[in-house]
Protein backbone atom coordinates (compact mmCIF):
# COMPACT_ATOMS: atom_id res chain seq x y z
CA MET A 1 -9.16 10.50 -5.05
CA GLY A 2 -8.54 11.83 -1.58
CA ALA A 3 -5.81 13.80 0.11
CA ALA A 4 -4.21 13.66 3.53
CA ALA A 5 -2.48 16.53 5.32
CA LEU A 6 0.91 15.49 6.65
CA LEU A 7 3.19 17.13 9.22
CA VAL A 8 6.34 15.25 10.19
CA PRO A 9 8.60 16.89 12.81
CA PHE A 10 12.28 15.92 12.67
CA LEU A 11 13.00 15.66 16.37
CA GLY A 12 16.55 14.47 15.72
CA ALA A 13 17.32 17.01 12.99
CA SER A 14 20.62 17.81 14.65
CA ARG A 15 21.70 14.17 14.24
CA VAL A 16 21.30 13.71 10.48
CA ALA A 17 20.78 15.83 7.37
CA VAL A 18 17.15 15.91 6.23
CA GLU A 19 17.96 15.51 2.54
CA PRO A 20 17.63 11.72 2.74
CA PHE A 21 13.96 11.92 3.82
CA GLU A 22 11.45 9.87 1.84
CA CYS A 23 7.67 9.64 1.89
CA TRP A 24 5.94 6.78 0.07
CA LEU A 25 2.22 6.34 -0.66
CA ASN A 26 1.23 2.84 -1.75
CA ASP A 27 4.80 2.12 -2.97
CA GLU A 28 5.02 5.39 -4.94
CA ASN A 29 7.57 8.00 -3.87
CA VAL A 30 5.65 11.25 -3.14
CA THR A 31 8.47 13.07 -1.34
CA GLY A 32 8.56 15.78 -4.01
CA THR A 33 5.03 16.91 -3.12
CA LEU A 34 6.10 17.89 0.41
CA THR A 35 7.95 20.96 1.68
CA LEU A 36 11.12 20.00 3.58
CA GLY A 37 12.83 22.09 6.23
CA ARG A 38 15.45 21.55 8.92
CA ASN A 39 12.73 20.90 11.49
CA GLY A 40 10.35 18.73 9.45
CA ALA A 41 8.26 18.06 6.39
CA ALA A 42 4.74 19.26 5.63
CA GLY A 43 2.24 19.17 2.81
CA ALA A 44 -0.68 17.29 1.35
CA ILE A 45 -0.38 13.77 0.04
CA VAL A 46 -2.76 13.53 -2.91
CA GLY A 47 -3.91 10.33 -4.55
CA LEU A 48 -5.38 8.28 -1.73
CA HIS A 49 -7.85 5.76 -3.09
CA GLU A 50 -10.90 4.16 -1.47
CA GLY A 51 -9.93 1.48 1.01
CA GLU A 52 -6.51 0.96 2.55
CA ASN A 53 -3.60 3.32 1.81
CA ARG A 54 -0.11 2.75 3.16
CA ILE A 55 2.15 5.70 3.99
CA ARG A 56 5.82 5.03 4.81
CA LEU A 57 8.21 7.71 6.12
CA ARG A 58 11.97 7.21 6.18
CA VAL A 59 14.97 9.30 7.28
CA PHE A 60 18.43 7.89 6.67
CA GLY A 61 22.04 8.93 6.22
CA ARG A 62 25.30 9.61 8.03
CA SER A 63 25.07 11.35 11.38
CA TRP A 64 26.74 14.71 11.90
CA TRP A 65 28.83 13.25 14.73
CA GLY A 66 30.95 10.17 14.27
CA GLY A 67 29.68 9.36 10.79
CA GLU A 68 27.40 6.57 12.02
CA TYR A 69 24.62 5.47 9.68
CA VAL A 70 21.18 6.48 10.98
CA GLU A 71 17.90 5.07 9.68
CA GLU A 72 14.40 5.41 11.07
CA GLN A 73 11.13 4.39 9.46
CA ARG A 74 7.50 4.78 10.39
CA SER A 75 4.52 3.31 8.58
CA LEU A 76 0.84 3.99 8.91
CA VAL A 77 -2.34 2.89 7.20
CA VAL A 78 -5.04 5.38 6.21
CA HIS A 79 -8.51 4.05 5.41
CA VAL A 80 -10.66 6.07 3.01
CA ARG A 81 -14.34 5.25 3.07
CA PRO A 82 -16.36 5.37 -0.14
CA LEU A 83 -18.66 8.30 -0.62
CA ALA A 84 -22.25 7.58 0.33
CA PHE A 85 -24.49 6.97 -2.67
CA LEU A 86 -27.18 9.58 -3.00
CA ASP A 87 -30.18 8.74 -5.13
CA ILE A 88 -31.48 12.05 -6.40
CA ALA A 89 -34.18 10.67 -8.72
């Protein structure tokens, strides 16, 4: 299984608390594997499999001003190629 380094800056950190940040890998919540701070999230997402892997990032919650509900999502696809077969015989 592979891993991907992830750095997500929270450009609007002053608008909404970062506690409602989520990171999903292939429909599995992997938020707990990342380090969260006021200015972003960072870490390694482990468990990528060969082929297509879908990563979804989501920040949501009430804004600091006015109490409006804020939600932003980003999705990306990471392709992992199989290791080349080496015939050592």
